[in-house]
Amino acid sequence: MSDQFSVYLDEITDKVVAAIPAASFKAMEHVRGVAVERTPLETGNLRDEAATLPTDAGARVYYPGPYARLQEYGVSESGKELRHEVGQSFYLVTAITEETPAVLEILATELRAVIE
């Protein structure tokens, strides 16, 4: 009986581990969507270039180039604070911190689905 239980747990563990990349991608895609809504808007290029990328550990939200960093932190090269008519500074950081409960729920839902 004990061996059967171990095999059963091993199967569940394998399923959960295999589901982590897709679950992480789905959770980070949610964060990307929230961050894009907060991203400063001038031409729309910065919002359009936001992407969710797979990683060895799961997934990450990516904005390319130094312009994205400049807009994220909201300070120009001269040290002057940037003003955003649409969007905000710290668009990615706030999305990550404020959406943590939603991210955890997405992960839980996705991982729970593979063991039920």
Protein backbone atom coordinates (compact mmCIF):
# COMPACT_ATOMS: atom_id res chain seq x y z
CA MET A 1 0.00 0.00 0.00
CA SER A 2 2.81 2.39 0.87
CA ASP A 3 4.53 1.90 -2.52
CA GLN A 4 1.29 2.64 -4.36
CA PHE A 5 0.85 5.84 -2.41
CA SER A 6 4.41 6.93 -3.24
CA VAL A 7 3.85 6.27 -6.93
CA TYR A 8 0.60 8.24 -6.77
CA LEU A 9 2.36 11.20 -5.12
CA ASP A 10 5.18 11.02 -7.67
CA GLU A 11 2.62 11.21 -10.49
CA ILE A 12 0.97 14.27 -8.91
CA THR A 13 4.35 15.94 -8.40
CA ASP A 14 5.29 15.30 -12.03
CA LYS A 15 2.00 16.79 -13.24
CA VAL A 16 2.38 19.89 -11.07
CA VAL A 17 6.00 20.47 -12.09
CA ALA A 18 5.06 20.06 -15.76
CA ALA A 19 2.21 22.60 -15.36
CA ILE A 20 4.34 25.32 -13.72
CA PRO A 21 5.64 26.98 -16.92
CA ALA A 22 2.17 27.38 -18.45
CA ALA A 23 0.67 28.51 -15.15
CA SER A 24 3.45 31.05 -14.66
CA PHE A 25 3.02 32.32 -18.20
CA LYS A 26 -0.72 32.80 -17.65
CA ALA A 27 -0.11 34.65 -14.36
CA MET A 28 2.54 36.91 -15.88
CA GLU A 29 0.31 37.58 -18.87
CA HIS A 30 -2.22 38.94 -16.37
CA VAL A 31 0.47 41.21 -14.87
CA ARG A 32 1.48 42.36 -18.36
CA GLY A 33 -2.10 43.31 -19.15
CA VAL A 34 -2.42 45.38 -15.98
CA ALA A 35 0.99 47.00 -16.51
CA VAL A 36 0.17 47.93 -20.11
CA GLU A 37 -2.92 49.82 -18.94
CA ARG A 38 -0.65 51.81 -16.59
CA THR A 39 2.19 52.30 -19.08
CA PRO A 40 2.71 55.93 -20.18
CA LEU A 41 1.15 56.57 -23.56
CA GLU A 42 2.59 58.92 -26.13
CA THR A 43 2.79 56.97 -29.39
CA GLY A 44 1.73 53.57 -28.06
CA ASN A 45 5.04 51.90 -28.95
CA LEU A 46 6.00 51.20 -25.34
CA ARG A 47 2.67 49.54 -24.64
CA ASP A 48 2.83 47.55 -27.88
CA GLU A 49 6.31 46.22 -27.11
CA ALA A 50 5.44 44.79 -23.70
CA ALA A 51 5.71 41.01 -23.80
CA THR A 52 5.41 37.96 -21.60
CA LEU A 53 8.43 35.73 -22.09
CA PRO A 54 9.00 32.17 -20.91
CA THR A 55 12.01 31.59 -18.63
CA ASP A 56 13.63 28.55 -17.06
CA ALA A 57 11.72 29.31 -13.85
CA GLY A 58 8.38 30.17 -15.48
CA ALA A 59 7.76 33.53 -17.16
CA ARG A 60 8.48 37.24 -16.93
CA VAL A 61 7.06 40.51 -18.20
CA TYR A 62 9.47 42.34 -20.49
CA TYR A 63 9.66 45.90 -21.80
CA PRO A 64 12.57 46.45 -24.20
CA GLY A 65 15.18 49.17 -24.11
CA PRO A 66 16.35 52.02 -21.93
CA TYR A 67 13.26 54.10 -22.75
CA ALA A 68 11.08 51.63 -20.83
CA ARG A 69 13.36 51.94 -17.80
CA LEU A 70 13.30 55.73 -18.04
CA GLN A 71 9.51 55.74 -18.10
CA GLU A 72 9.23 53.13 -15.32
CA TYR A 73 11.26 55.20 -12.90
CA GLY A 74 9.80 58.50 -14.10
CA VAL A 75 12.98 60.56 -14.03
CA SER A 76 14.71 61.99 -17.08
CA GLU A 77 18.46 61.78 -17.69
CA SER A 78 18.78 65.31 -16.31
CA GLY A 79 17.12 64.20 -13.07
CA LYS A 80 13.89 66.00 -13.86
CA GLU A 81 10.65 64.20 -12.95
CA LEU A 82 8.66 63.10 -15.98
CA ARG A 83 5.00 64.04 -16.29
CA HIS A 84 2.61 61.49 -17.73
CA GLU A 85 -0.64 62.72 -19.24
CA VAL A 86 -1.74 59.09 -19.64
CA GLY A 87 -0.19 56.32 -17.59
CA GLN A 88 2.17 56.49 -14.64
CA SER A 89 5.68 55.89 -13.42
CA PHE A 90 6.30 52.49 -11.79
CA TYR A 91 3.72 50.93 -14.10
CA LEU A 92 5.36 47.52 -13.88
CA VAL A 93 6.34 47.56 -10.20
CA THR A 94 2.86 48.58 -9.07
CA ALA A 95 1.24 45.97 -11.31
CA ILE A 96 3.44 43.27 -9.80
CA THR A 97 2.88 44.29 -6.19
CA GLU A 98 -0.82 45.06 -6.45
CA GLU A 99 -1.65 42.00 -8.53
CA THR A 100 0.14 39.48 -6.29
CA PRO A 101 -3.15 38.07 -4.92
CA ALA A 102 -4.49 37.64 -8.48
CA VAL A 103 -1.22 36.02 -9.59
CA LEU A 104 -1.35 33.57 -6.70
CA GLU A 105 -4.98 32.76 -7.49
CA ILE A 106 -4.17 32.14 -11.16
CA LEU A 107 -1.28 29.87 -10.19
CA ALA A 108 -3.41 28.00 -7.64
CA THR A 109 -6.26 27.52 -10.12
CA GLU A 110 -3.97 26.27 -12.87
CA LEU A 111 -2.03 23.91 -10.63
CA ARG A 112 -5.14 22.68 -8.84
CA ALA A 113 -6.64 21.75 -12.21
CA VAL A 114 -3.86 19.23 -12.91
CA ILE A 115 -4.35 17.35 -9.65
CA GLU A 116 -8.14 17.19 -9.55
